Amino acid sequence: MMGSEERIEKNEFIEILKKRTKDGALRIIKLFQNLPKTGEARIIGKQLLRSGTSFAANYSAVCRARSKAEFFAKLSIVVEELDETLFWLELLADSKIVPEDKLSQLNAELLEILTILA
């Protein structure tokens, strides 16, 4: 009986992370839509959009992995894409394209997800 209870908790955890990664990707899309219409913002924004939606899609694929090897391979992609997304957010703030305070909550959320998955 205890095993089924643990399974429910694991499934809930997986669903919570799926939602958090998808919500993070949606926030990245919204940020991209609101970036200034400058050349540098467009270039960095496209990189951010790519990595910031990729980690969510790849986490969904992690949940469907058919083996431990596939699970860890896909999870490593999620971690890499999250790390890249955090880099682009940092670059947007450091270059003053977006005020740092407007990115702090998103940055903290993605860093927390990265910490959980890494």
PDB file of N, CA and C in Angstrom:
ATOM      1  N   MET A   1       0.819  -1.190   0.000  1.00  0.00           N
ATOM      2  CA  MET A   1       0.000   0.000   0.000  1.00  0.00           C
ATOM      3  C   MET A   1       0.869   1.262   0.000  1.00  0.00           C
ATOM      4  N   MET A   2       1.950   1.247   0.724  1.00  0.00           N
ATOM      5  CA  MET A   2       2.829   2.408   0.817  1.00  0.00           C
ATOM      6  C   MET A   2       3.387   2.787  -0.557  1.00  0.00           C
ATOM      7  N   GLY A   3       3.676   1.781  -1.386  1.00  0.00           N
ATOM      8  CA  GLY A   3       4.224   2.063  -2.711  1.00  0.00           C
ATOM      9  C   GLY A   3       3.289   2.902  -3.555  1.00  0.00           C
ATOM     10  N   SER A   4       1.974   2.634  -3.491  1.00  0.00           N
ATOM     11  CA  SER A   4       1.031   3.411  -4.294  1.00  0.00           C
ATOM     12  C   SER A   4       0.938   4.855  -3.805  1.00  0.00           C
ATOM     13  N   GLU A   5       1.065   5.055  -2.496  1.00  0.00           N
ATOM     14  CA  GLU A   5       1.065   6.421  -1.965  1.00  0.00           C
ATOM     15  C   GLU A   5       2.282   7.189  -2.460  1.00  0.00           C
ATOM     16  N   GLU A   6       3.430   6.542  -2.473  1.00  0.00           N
ATOM     17  CA  GLU A   6       4.647   7.193  -2.966  1.00  0.00           C
ATOM     18  C   GLU A   6       4.504   7.519  -4.444  1.00  0.00           C
ATOM     19  N   ARG A   7       3.856   6.652  -5.185  1.00  0.00           N
ATOM     20  CA  ARG A   7       3.665   6.851  -6.614  1.00  0.00           C
ATOM     21  C   ARG A   7       2.801   8.091  -6.872  1.00  0.00           C
ATOM     22  N   ILE A   8       1.768   8.260  -6.091  1.00  0.00           N
ATOM     23  CA  ILE A   8       0.906   9.431  -6.238  1.00  0.00           C
ATOM     24  C   ILE A   8       1.706  10.697  -5.978  1.00  0.00           C
ATOM     25  N   GLU A   9       2.516  10.693  -4.941  1.00  0.00           N
ATOM     26  CA  GLU A   9       3.335  11.875  -4.639  1.00  0.00           C
ATOM     27  C   GLU A   9       4.313  12.163  -5.773  1.00  0.00           C
ATOM     28  N   LYS A  10       4.916  11.111  -6.325  1.00  0.00           N
ATOM     29  CA  LYS A  10       5.856  11.291  -7.427  1.00  0.00           C
ATOM     30  C   LYS A  10       5.134  11.872  -8.639  1.00  0.00           C
ATOM     31  N   ASN A  11       3.954  11.340  -8.948  1.00  0.00           N
ATOM     32  CA  ASN A  11       3.188  11.857 -10.081  1.00  0.00           C
ATOM     33  C   ASN A  11       2.766  13.308  -9.867  1.00  0.00           C
ATOM     34  N   GLU A  12       2.397  13.649  -8.646  1.00  0.00           N
ATOM     35  CA  GLU A  12       2.041  15.035  -8.340  1.00  0.00           C
ATOM     36  C   GLU A  12       3.245  15.950  -8.533  1.00  0.00           C
ATOM     37  N   PHE A  13       4.402  15.497  -8.075  1.00  0.00           N
ATOM     38  CA  PHE A  13       5.634  16.259  -8.224  1.00  0.00           C
ATOM     39  C   PHE A  13       5.937  16.490  -9.710  1.00  0.00           C
ATOM     40  N   ILE A  14       5.802  15.440 -10.503  1.00  0.00           N
ATOM     41  CA  ILE A  14       6.044  15.539 -11.942  1.00  0.00           C
ATOM     42  C   ILE A  14       5.091  16.557 -12.577  1.00  0.00           C
ATOM     43  N   GLU A  15       3.818  16.481 -12.201  1.00  0.00           N
ATOM     44  CA  GLU A  15       2.824  17.401 -12.764  1.00  0.00           C
ATOM     45  C   GLU A  15       3.084  18.848 -12.330  1.00  0.00           C
ATOM     46  N   ILE A  16       3.497  19.023 -11.095  1.00  0.00           N
ATOM     47  CA  ILE A  16       3.827  20.370 -10.617  1.00  0.00           C
ATOM     48  C   ILE A  16       4.988  20.942 -11.422  1.00  0.00           C
ATOM     49  N   LEU A  17       6.024  20.130 -11.647  1.00  0.00           N
ATOM     50  CA  LEU A  17       7.172  20.607 -12.431  1.00  0.00           C
ATOM     51  C   LEU A  17       6.792  20.845 -13.888  1.00  0.00           C
ATOM     52  N   LYS A  18       5.931  20.012 -14.437  1.00  0.00           N
ATOM     53  CA  LYS A  18       5.450  20.254 -15.809  1.00  0.00           C
ATOM     54  C   LYS A  18       4.777  21.618 -15.898  1.00  0.00           C
ATOM     55  N   LYS A  19       3.919  21.906 -14.927  1.00  0.00           N
ATOM     56  CA  LYS A  19       3.217  23.190 -14.910  1.00  0.00           C
ATOM     57  C   LYS A  19       4.190  24.344 -14.725  1.00  0.00           C
ATOM     58  N   ARG A  20       5.146  24.176 -13.813  1.00  0.00           N
ATOM     59  CA  ARG A  20       6.111  25.253 -13.564  1.00  0.00           C
ATOM     60  C   ARG A  20       6.973  25.522 -14.792  1.00  0.00           C
ATOM     61  N   THR A  21       7.404  24.466 -15.486  1.00  0.00           N
ATOM     62  CA  THR A  21       8.230  24.684 -16.673  1.00  0.00           C
ATOM     63  C   THR A  21       7.410  25.329 -17.792  1.00  0.00           C
ATOM     64  N   LYS A  22       6.160  24.886 -17.958  1.00  0.00           N
ATOM     65  CA  LYS A  22       5.302  25.489 -18.979  1.00  0.00           C
ATOM     66  C   LYS A  22       5.008  26.946 -18.638  1.00  0.00           C
ATOM     67  N   ASP A  23       4.690  27.222 -17.378  1.00  0.00           N
ATOM     68  CA  ASP A  23       4.449  28.608 -16.960  1.00  0.00           C
ATOM     69  C   ASP A  23       5.686  29.472 -17.184  1.00  0.00           C
ATOM     70  N   GLY A  24       6.860  28.918 -16.908  1.00  0.00           N
ATOM     71  CA  GLY A  24       8.108  29.645 -17.155  1.00  0.00           C
ATOM     72  C   GLY A  24       8.266  29.977 -18.629  1.00  0.00           C
ATOM     73  N   ALA A  25       7.961  29.010 -19.496  1.00  0.00           N
ATOM     74  CA  ALA A  25       8.050  29.246 -20.934  1.00  0.00           C
ATOM     75  C   ALA A  25       7.059  30.321 -21.379  1.00  0.00           C
ATOM     76  N   LEU A  26       5.862  30.295 -20.820  1.00  0.00           N
ATOM     77  CA  LEU A  26       4.871  31.321 -21.159  1.00  0.00           C
ATOM     78  C   LEU A  26       5.332  32.711 -20.719  1.00  0.00           C
ATOM     79  N   ARG A  27       5.992  32.771 -19.566  1.00  0.00           N
ATOM     80  CA  ARG A  27       6.527  34.063 -19.100  1.00  0.00           C
ATOM     81  C   ARG A  27       7.645  34.556 -20.017  1.00  0.00           C
ATOM     82  N   ILE A  28       8.450  33.630 -20.524  1.00  0.00           N
ATOM     83  CA  ILE A  28       9.512  33.984 -21.477  1.00  0.00           C
ATOM     84  C   ILE A  28       8.887  34.539 -22.756  1.00  0.00           C
ATOM     85  N   ILE A  29       7.834  33.907 -23.237  1.00  0.00           N
ATOM     86  CA  ILE A  29       7.153  34.383 -24.442  1.00  0.00           C
ATOM     87  C   ILE A  29       6.629  35.798 -24.218  1.00  0.00           C
ATOM     88  N   LYS A  30       6.005  36.034 -23.078  1.00  0.00           N
ATOM     89  CA  LYS A  30       5.475  37.366 -22.755  1.00  0.00           C
ATOM     90  C   LYS A  30       6.618  38.397 -22.695  1.00  0.00           C
ATOM     91  N   LEU A  31       7.723  38.021 -22.068  1.00  0.00           N
ATOM     92  CA  LEU A  31       8.886  38.906 -22.002  1.00  0.00           C
ATOM     93  C   LEU A  31       9.385  39.229 -23.408  1.00  0.00           C
ATOM     94  N   PHE A  32       9.508  38.217 -24.237  1.00  0.00           N
ATOM     95  CA  PHE A  32       9.958  38.414 -25.614  1.00  0.00           C
ATOM     96  C   PHE A  32       9.042  39.391 -26.349  1.00  0.00           C
ATOM     97  N   GLN A  33       7.734  39.231 -26.171  1.00  0.00           N
ATOM     98  CA  GLN A  33       6.769  40.103 -26.843  1.00  0.00           C
ATOM     99  C   GLN A  33       6.906  41.562 -26.408  1.00  0.00           C
ATOM    100  N   ASN A  34       7.425  41.779 -25.206  1.00  0.00           N
ATOM    101  CA  ASN A  34       7.530  43.133 -24.668  1.00  0.00           C
ATOM    102  C   ASN A  34       8.934  43.726 -24.723  1.00  0.00           C
ATOM    103  N   LEU A  35       9.858  43.030 -25.365  1.00  0.00           N
ATOM    104  CA  LEU A  35      11.214  43.568 -25.489  1.00  0.00           C
ATOM    105  C   LEU A  35      11.206  44.801 -26.393  1.00  0.00           C
ATOM    106  N   PRO A  36      12.155  45.713 -26.166  1.00  0.00           N
ATOM    107  CA  PRO A  36      12.280  46.867 -27.064  1.00  0.00           C
ATOM    108  C   PRO A  36      12.540  46.394 -28.498  1.00  0.00           C
ATOM    109  N   LYS A  37      12.163  47.183 -29.451  1.00  0.00           N
ATOM    110  CA  LYS A  37      12.305  46.805 -30.870  1.00  0.00           C
ATOM    111  C   LYS A  37      13.660  47.253 -31.424  1.00  0.00           C
ATOM    112  N   THR A  38      14.729  46.923 -30.700  1.00  0.00           N
ATOM    113  CA  THR A  38      16.080  47.253 -31.156  1.00  0.00           C
ATOM    114  C   THR A  38      16.744  45.985 -31.696  1.00  0.00           C
ATOM    115  N   GLY A  39      17.793  46.175 -32.451  1.00  0.00           N
ATOM    116  CA  GLY A  39      18.506  45.040 -33.036  1.00  0.00           C
ATOM    117  C   GLY A  39      19.044  44.079 -31.995  1.00  0.00           C
ATOM    118  N   GLU A  40      19.712  44.642 -30.984  1.00  0.00           N
ATOM    119  CA  GLU A  40      20.310  43.766 -29.961  1.00  0.00           C
ATOM    120  C   GLU A  40      19.241  43.051 -29.136  1.00  0.00           C
ATOM    121  N   ALA A  41      18.150  43.744 -28.834  1.00  0.00           N
ATOM    122  CA  ALA A  41      17.068  43.106 -28.076  1.00  0.00           C
ATOM    123  C   ALA A  41      16.437  41.980 -28.900  1.00  0.00           C
ATOM    124  N   ARG A  42      16.316  42.198 -30.192  1.00  0.00           N
ATOM    125  CA  ARG A  42      15.742  41.177 -31.074  1.00  0.00           C
ATOM    126  C   ARG A  42      16.631  39.939 -31.129  1.00  0.00           C
ATOM    127  N   ILE A  43      17.925  40.137 -31.245  1.00  0.00           N
ATOM    128  CA  ILE A  43      18.865  39.010 -31.345  1.00  0.00           C
ATOM    129  C   ILE A  43      18.905  38.223 -30.030  1.00  0.00           C
ATOM    130  N   ILE A  44      19.079  38.914 -28.922  1.00  0.00           N
ATOM    131  CA  ILE A  44      19.104  38.239 -27.619  1.00  0.00           C
ATOM    132  C   ILE A  44      17.734  37.629 -27.325  1.00  0.00           C
ATOM    133  N   GLY A  45      16.685  38.363 -27.682  1.00  0.00           N
ATOM    134  CA  GLY A  45      15.331  37.874 -27.452  1.00  0.00           C
ATOM    135  C   GLY A  45      15.053  36.558 -28.161  1.00  0.00           C
ATOM    136  N   LYS A  46      15.513  36.431 -29.390  1.00  0.00           N
ATOM    137  CA  LYS A  46      15.304  35.172 -30.123  1.00  0.00           C
ATOM    138  C   LYS A  46      16.040  34.020 -29.463  1.00  0.00           C
ATOM    139  N   GLN A  47      17.238  34.283 -28.977  1.00  0.00           N
ATOM    140  CA  GLN A  47      17.997  33.244 -28.264  1.00  0.00           C
ATOM    141  C   GLN A  47      17.258  32.851 -26.985  1.00  0.00           C
ATOM    142  N   LEU A  48      16.772  33.858 -26.266  1.00  0.00           N
ATOM    143  CA  LEU A  48      16.021  33.622 -25.030  1.00  0.00           C
ATOM    144  C   LEU A  48      14.745  32.844 -25.320  1.00  0.00           C
ATOM    145  N   LEU A  49      14.038  33.224 -26.349  1.00  0.00           N
ATOM    146  CA  LEU A  49      12.796  32.546 -26.713  1.00  0.00           C
ATOM    147  C   LEU A  49      13.042  31.076 -27.048  1.00  0.00           C
ATOM    148  N   ARG A  50      14.116  30.811 -27.777  1.00  0.00           N
ATOM    149  CA  ARG A  50      14.437  29.434 -28.155  1.00  0.00           C
ATOM    150  C   ARG A  50      14.739  28.582 -26.929  1.00  0.00           C
ATOM    151  N   SER A  51      15.676  29.041 -26.098  1.00  0.00           N
ATOM    152  CA  SER A  51      16.051  28.239 -24.927  1.00  0.00           C
ATOM    153  C   SER A  51      14.953  28.235 -23.874  1.00  0.00           C
ATOM    154  N   GLY A  52      14.225  29.350 -23.772  1.00  0.00           N
ATOM    155  CA  GLY A  52      13.196  29.501 -22.745  1.00  0.00           C
ATOM    156  C   GLY A  52      11.927  28.728 -23.019  1.00  0.00           C
ATOM    157  N   THR A  53      11.734  28.285 -24.242  1.00  0.00           N
ATOM    158  CA  THR A  53      10.615  27.389 -24.533  1.00  0.00           C
ATOM    159  C   THR A  53      11.108  25.950 -24.656  1.00  0.00           C
ATOM    160  N   SER A  54      12.355  25.794 -25.013  1.00  0.00           N
ATOM    161  CA  SER A  54      12.936  24.458 -25.179  1.00  0.00           C
ATOM    162  C   SER A  54      12.988  23.678 -23.864  1.00  0.00           C
ATOM    163  N   PHE A  55      13.335  24.339 -22.768  1.00  0.00           N
ATOM    164  CA  PHE A  55      13.441  23.584 -21.517  1.00  0.00           C
ATOM    165  C   PHE A  55      12.100  22.995 -21.107  1.00  0.00           C
ATOM    166  N   ALA A  56      11.000  23.719 -21.369  1.00  0.00           N
ATOM    167  CA  ALA A  56       9.669  23.212 -21.018  1.00  0.00           C
ATOM    168  C   ALA A  56       9.295  22.027 -21.905  1.00  0.00           C
ATOM    169  N   ALA A  57       9.533  22.148 -23.194  1.00  0.00           N
ATOM    170  CA  ALA A  57       9.227  21.059 -24.117  1.00  0.00           C
ATOM    171  C   ALA A  57      10.061  19.825 -23.791  1.00  0.00           C
ATOM    172  N   ASN A  58      11.312  20.048 -23.473  1.00  0.00           N
ATOM    173  CA  ASN A  58      12.183  18.915 -23.156  1.00  0.00           C
ATOM    174  C   ASN A  58      11.841  18.287 -21.809  1.00  0.00           C
ATOM    175  N   TYR A  59      11.357  19.080 -20.851  1.00  0.00           N
ATOM    176  CA  TYR A  59      10.926  18.474 -19.584  1.00  0.00           C
ATOM    177  C   TYR A  59       9.721  17.564 -19.821  1.00  0.00           C
ATOM    178  N   SER A  60       8.835  17.975 -20.704  1.00  0.00           N
ATOM    179  CA  SER A  60       7.693  17.130 -21.056  1.00  0.00           C
ATOM    180  C   SER A  60       8.183  15.804 -21.646  1.00  0.00           C
ATOM    181  N   ALA A  61       9.226  15.874 -22.460  1.00  0.00           N
ATOM    182  CA  ALA A  61       9.812  14.655 -23.038  1.00  0.00           C
ATOM    183  C   ALA A  61      10.473  13.795 -21.958  1.00  0.00           C
ATOM    184  N   VAL A  62      11.074  14.425 -20.954  1.00  0.00           N
ATOM    185  CA  VAL A  62      11.674  13.678 -19.833  1.00  0.00           C
ATOM    186  C   VAL A  62      10.613  12.804 -19.184  1.00  0.00           C
ATOM    187  N   CYS A  63       9.421  13.344 -19.035  1.00  0.00           N
ATOM    188  CA  CYS A  63       8.328  12.627 -18.364  1.00  0.00           C
ATOM    189  C   CYS A  63       7.860  11.414 -19.156  1.00  0.00           C
ATOM    190  N   ARG A  64       8.203  11.355 -20.426  1.00  0.00           N
ATOM    191  CA  ARG A  64       7.813  10.222 -21.260  1.00  0.00           C
ATOM    192  C   ARG A  64       8.982   9.301 -21.584  1.00  0.00           C
ATOM    193  N   ALA A  65      10.098   9.473 -20.919  1.00  0.00           N
ATOM    194  CA  ALA A  65      11.281   8.659 -21.195  1.00  0.00           C
ATOM    195  C   ALA A  65      10.974   7.176 -20.995  1.00  0.00           C
ATOM    196  N   ARG A  66      11.539   6.351 -21.873  1.00  0.00           N
ATOM    197  CA  ARG A  66      11.266   4.913 -21.836  1.00  0.00           C
ATOM    198  C   ARG A  66      12.326   4.127 -21.090  1.00  0.00           C
ATOM    199  N   SER A  67      13.421   4.781 -20.733  1.00  0.00           N
ATOM    200  CA  SER A  67      14.485   4.090 -20.004  1.00  0.00           C
ATOM    201  C   SER A  67      15.222   5.104 -19.140  1.00  0.00           C
ATOM    202  N   LYS A  68      16.013   4.597 -18.201  1.00  0.00           N
ATOM    203  CA  LYS A  68      16.805   5.499 -17.358  1.00  0.00           C
ATOM    204  C   LYS A  68      17.792   6.290 -18.193  1.00  0.00           C
ATOM    205  N   ALA A  69      18.399   5.640 -19.174  1.00  0.00           N
ATOM    206  CA  ALA A  69      19.372   6.326 -20.029  1.00  0.00           C
ATOM    207  C   ALA A  69      18.702   7.469 -20.796  1.00  0.00           C
ATOM    208  N   GLU A  70      17.523   7.199 -21.344  1.00  0.00           N
ATOM    209  CA  GLU A  70      16.796   8.243 -22.068  1.00  0.00           C
ATOM    210  C   GLU A  70      16.374   9.362 -21.113  1.00  0.00           C
ATOM    211  N   PHE A  71      15.933   8.990 -19.920  1.00  0.00           N
ATOM    212  CA  PHE A  71      15.533   9.962 -18.907  1.00  0.00           C
ATOM    213  C   PHE A  71      16.681  10.928 -18.607  1.00  0.00           C
ATOM    214  N   PHE A  72      17.860  10.386 -18.325  1.00  0.00           N
ATOM    215  CA  PHE A  72      18.990  11.240 -17.963  1.00  0.00           C
ATOM    216  C   PHE A  72      19.505  12.046 -19.148  1.00  0.00           C
ATOM    217  N   ALA A  73      19.438  11.483 -20.343  1.00  0.00           N
ATOM    218  CA  ALA A  73      19.871  12.229 -21.537  1.00  0.00           C
ATOM    219  C   ALA A  73      18.959  13.437 -21.761  1.00  0.00           C
ATOM    220  N   LYS A  74      17.652  13.211 -21.662  1.00  0.00           N
ATOM    221  CA  LYS A  74      16.704  14.307 -21.871  1.00  0.00           C
ATOM    222  C   LYS A  74      16.768  15.332 -20.730  1.00  0.00           C
ATOM    223  N   LEU A  75      16.957  14.837 -19.513  1.00  0.00           N
ATOM    224  CA  LEU A  75      17.065  15.736 -18.368  1.00  0.00           C
ATOM    225  C   LEU A  75      18.289  16.646 -18.498  1.00  0.00           C
ATOM    226  N   SER A  76      19.370  16.108 -19.029  1.00  0.00           N
ATOM    227  CA  SER A  76      20.574  16.934 -19.203  1.00  0.00           C
ATOM    228  C   SER A  76      20.316  18.056 -20.209  1.00  0.00           C
ATOM    229  N   ILE A  77      19.466  17.814 -21.197  1.00  0.00           N
ATOM    230  CA  ILE A  77      19.100  18.862 -22.159  1.00  0.00           C
ATOM    231  C   ILE A  77      18.298  19.950 -21.450  1.00  0.00           C
ATOM    232  N   VAL A  78      17.371  19.543 -20.581  1.00  0.00           N
ATOM    233  CA  VAL A  78      16.566  20.514 -19.833  1.00  0.00           C
ATOM    234  C   VAL A  78      17.472  21.410 -18.995  1.00  0.00           C
ATOM    235  N   VAL A  79      18.407  20.801 -18.288  1.00  0.00           N
ATOM    236  CA  VAL A  79      19.328  21.557 -17.433  1.00  0.00           C
ATOM    237  C   VAL A  79      20.155  22.525 -18.280  1.00  0.00           C
ATOM    238  N   GLU A  80      20.638  22.055 -19.413  1.00  0.00           N
ATOM    239  CA  GLU A  80      21.440  22.910 -20.303  1.00  0.00           C
ATOM    240  C   GLU A  80      20.622  24.089 -20.832  1.00  0.00           C
ATOM    241  N   GLU A  81      19.388  23.838 -21.235  1.00  0.00           N
ATOM    242  CA  GLU A  81      18.527  24.902 -21.768  1.00  0.00           C
ATOM    243  C   GLU A  81      18.130  25.901 -20.681  1.00  0.00           C
ATOM    244  N   LEU A  82      17.867  25.409 -19.480  1.00  0.00           N
ATOM    245  CA  LEU A  82      17.573  26.322 -18.368  1.00  0.00           C
ATOM    246  C   LEU A  82      18.772  27.204 -18.059  1.00  0.00           C
ATOM    247  N   ASP A  83      19.950  26.609 -18.035  1.00  0.00           N
ATOM    248  CA  ASP A  83      21.166  27.369 -17.770  1.00  0.00           C
ATOM    249  C   ASP A  83      21.368  28.444 -18.836  1.00  0.00           C
ATOM    250  N   GLU A  84      21.122  28.093 -20.094  1.00  0.00           N
ATOM    251  CA  GLU A  84      21.254  29.068 -21.178  1.00  0.00           C
ATOM    252  C   GLU A  84      20.218  30.180 -21.036  1.00  0.00           C
ATOM    253  N   THR A  85      19.005  29.819 -20.682  1.00  0.00           N
ATOM    254  CA  THR A  85      17.944  30.809 -20.490  1.00  0.00           C
ATOM    255  C   THR A  85      18.334  31.804 -19.403  1.00  0.00           C
ATOM    256  N   LEU A  86      18.878  31.298 -18.306  1.00  0.00           N
ATOM    257  CA  LEU A  86      19.337  32.181 -17.222  1.00  0.00           C
ATOM    258  C   LEU A  86      20.444  33.113 -17.700  1.00  0.00           C
ATOM    259  N   PHE A  87      21.306  32.609 -18.571  1.00  0.00           N
ATOM    260  CA  PHE A  87      22.364  33.450 -19.130  1.00  0.00           C
ATOM    261  C   PHE A  87      21.768  34.606 -19.935  1.00  0.00           C
ATOM    262  N   TRP A  88      20.787  34.301 -20.804  1.00  0.00           N
ATOM    263  CA  TRP A  88      20.190  35.359 -21.634  1.00  0.00           C
ATOM    264  C   TRP A  88      19.451  36.376 -20.775  1.00  0.00           C
ATOM    265  N   LEU A  89      18.789  35.915 -19.718  1.00  0.00           N
ATOM    266  CA  LEU A  89      18.131  36.856 -18.798  1.00  0.00           C
ATOM    267  C   LEU A  89      19.159  37.766 -18.139  1.00  0.00           C
ATOM    268  N   GLU A  90      20.272  37.186 -17.729  1.00  0.00           N
ATOM    269  CA  GLU A  90      21.344  37.975 -17.114  1.00  0.00           C
ATOM    270  C   GLU A  90      21.896  38.996 -18.108  1.00  0.00           C
ATOM    271  N   LEU A  91      22.054  38.578 -19.348  1.00  0.00           N
ATOM    272  CA  LEU A  91      22.571  39.480 -20.373  1.00  0.00           C
ATOM    273  C   LEU A  91      21.593  40.631 -20.647  1.00  0.00           C
ATOM    274  N   LEU A  92      20.292  40.328 -20.663  1.00  0.00           N
ATOM    275  CA  LEU A  92      19.296  41.395 -20.836  1.00  0.00           C
ATOM    276  C   LEU A  92      19.385  42.422 -19.705  1.00  0.00           C
ATOM    277  N   ALA A  93      19.587  41.934 -18.489  1.00  0.00           N
ATOM    278  CA  ALA A  93      19.693  42.839 -17.340  1.00  0.00           C
ATOM    279  C   ALA A  93      21.013  43.609 -17.365  1.00  0.00           C
ATOM    280  N   ASP A  94      22.120  42.900 -17.568  1.00  0.00           N
ATOM    281  CA  ASP A  94      23.440  43.542 -17.542  1.00  0.00           C
ATOM    282  C   ASP A  94      23.607  44.582 -18.652  1.00  0.00           C
ATOM    283  N   SER A  95      22.955  44.354 -19.777  1.00  0.00           N
ATOM    284  CA  SER A  95      23.056  45.299 -20.891  1.00  0.00           C
ATOM    285  C   SER A  95      22.049  46.439 -20.771  1.00  0.00           C
ATOM    286  N   LYS A  96      21.224  46.374 -19.725  1.00  0.00           N
ATOM    287  CA  LYS A  96      20.199  47.393 -19.456  1.00  0.00           C
ATOM    288  C   LYS A  96      19.099  47.423 -20.516  1.00  0.00           C
ATOM    289  N   ILE A  97      18.955  46.325 -21.264  1.00  0.00           N
ATOM    290  CA  ILE A  97      17.856  46.243 -22.225  1.00  0.00           C
ATOM    291  C   ILE A  97      16.539  46.120 -21.459  1.00  0.00           C
ATOM    292  N   VAL A  98      16.579  45.355 -20.367  1.00  0.00           N
ATOM    293  CA  VAL A  98      15.419  45.201 -19.481  1.00  0.00           C
ATOM    294  C   VAL A  98      15.906  45.482 -18.064  1.00  0.00           C
ATOM    295  N   PRO A  99      15.186  46.295 -17.307  1.00  0.00           N
ATOM    296  CA  PRO A  99      15.591  46.551 -15.920  1.00  0.00           C
ATOM    297  C   PRO A  99      15.643  45.245 -15.113  1.00  0.00           C
ATOM    298  N   GLU A 100      16.681  45.106 -14.326  1.00  0.00           N
ATOM    299  CA  GLU A 100      16.907  43.889 -13.548  1.00  0.00           C
ATOM    300  C   GLU A 100      15.713  43.534 -12.662  1.00  0.00           C
ATOM    301  N   ASP A 101      15.083  44.547 -12.076  1.00  0.00           N
ATOM    302  CA  ASP A 101      13.952  44.270 -11.177  1.00  0.00           C
ATOM    303  C   ASP A 101      12.767  43.639 -11.916  1.00  0.00           C
ATOM    304  N   LYS A 102      12.655  43.872 -13.224  1.00  0.00           N
ATOM    305  CA  LYS A 102      11.578  43.258 -14.001  1.00  0.00           C
ATOM    306  C   LYS A 102      11.858  41.789 -14.309  1.00  0.00           C
ATOM    307  N   LEU A 103      13.094  41.366 -14.129  1.00  0.00           N
ATOM    308  CA  LEU A 103      13.479  39.987 -14.426  1.00  0.00           C
ATOM    309  C   LEU A 103      13.696  39.149 -13.171  1.00  0.00           C
ATOM    310  N   SER A 104      13.736  39.775 -12.015  1.00  0.00           N
ATOM    311  CA  SER A 104      14.162  39.070 -10.799  1.00  0.00           C
ATOM    312  C   SER A 104      13.254  37.902 -10.417  1.00  0.00           C
ATOM    313  N   GLN A 105      11.944  38.064 -10.504  1.00  0.00           N
ATOM    314  CA  GLN A 105      11.045  36.965 -10.133  1.00  0.00           C
ATOM    315  C   GLN A 105      11.156  35.797 -11.107  1.00  0.00           C
ATOM    316  N   LEU A 106      11.206  36.092 -12.391  1.00  0.00           N
ATOM    317  CA  LEU A 106      11.357  35.044 -13.395  1.00  0.00           C
ATOM    318  C   LEU A 106      12.697  34.343 -13.218  1.00  0.00           C
ATOM    319  N   ASN A 107      13.730  35.113 -13.013  1.00  0.00           N
ATOM    320  CA  ASN A 107      15.058  34.556 -12.804  1.00  0.00           C
ATOM    321  C   ASN A 107      15.071  33.625 -11.586  1.00  0.00           C
ATOM    322  N   ALA A 108      14.469  34.059 -10.489  1.00  0.00           N
ATOM    323  CA  ALA A 108      14.429  33.251  -9.270  1.00  0.00           C
ATOM    324  C   ALA A 108      13.652  31.952  -9.493  1.00  0.00           C
ATOM    325  N   GLU A 109      12.536  32.033 -10.202  1.00  0.00           N
ATOM    326  CA  GLU A 109      11.731  30.838 -10.479  1.00  0.00           C
ATOM    327  C   GLU A 109      12.511  29.832 -11.325  1.00  0.00           C
ATOM    328  N   LEU A 110      13.167  30.299 -12.376  1.00  0.00           N
ATOM    329  CA  LEU A 110      13.916  29.405 -13.234  1.00  0.00           C
ATOM    330  C   LEU A 110      15.137  28.827 -12.529  1.00  0.00           C
ATOM    331  N   LEU A 111      15.763  29.623 -11.680  1.00  0.00           N
ATOM    332  CA  LEU A 111      16.896  29.129 -10.901  1.00  0.00           C
ATOM    333  C   LEU A 111      16.442  28.044  -9.930  1.00  0.00           C
ATOM    334  N   GLU A 112      15.268  28.215  -9.344  1.00  0.00           N
ATOM    335  CA  GLU A 112      14.732  27.195  -8.444  1.00  0.00           C
ATOM    336  C   GLU A 112      14.429  25.891  -9.198  1.00  0.00           C
ATOM    337  N   ILE A 113      13.840  25.995 -10.361  1.00  0.00           N
ATOM    338  CA  ILE A 113      13.578  24.806 -11.172  1.00  0.00           C
ATOM    339  C   ILE A 113      14.883  24.128 -11.537  1.00  0.00           C
ATOM    340  N   LEU A 114      15.868  24.921 -11.942  1.00  0.00           N
ATOM    341  CA  LEU A 114      17.181  24.369 -12.294  1.00  0.00           C
ATOM    342  C   LEU A 114      17.794  23.639 -11.116  1.00  0.00           C
ATOM    343  N   THR A 115      17.694  24.223  -9.930  1.00  0.00           N
ATOM    344  CA  THR A 115      18.243  23.605  -8.726  1.00  0.00           C
ATOM    345  C   THR A 115      17.561  22.261  -8.443  1.00  0.00           C
ATOM    346  N   ILE A 116      16.268  22.203  -8.629  1.00  0.00           N
ATOM    347  CA  ILE A 116      15.515  20.956  -8.400  1.00  0.00           C
ATOM    348  C   ILE A 116      15.972  19.886  -9.398  1.00  0.00           C
ATOM    349  N   LEU A 117      16.104  20.266 -10.649  1.00  0.00           N
ATOM    350  CA  LEU A 117      16.407  19.280 -11.703  1.00  0.00           C
ATOM    351  C   LEU A 117      17.879  18.901 -11.784  1.00  0.00           C
ATOM    352  N   ALA A 118      18.744  19.821 -11.403  1.00  0.00           N
ATOM    353  CA  ALA A 118      20.182  19.521 -11.483  1.00  0.00           C
ATOM    354  C   ALA A 118      20.601  18.765 -10.253  1.00  0.00           C
TER     355      ALA A 118
END
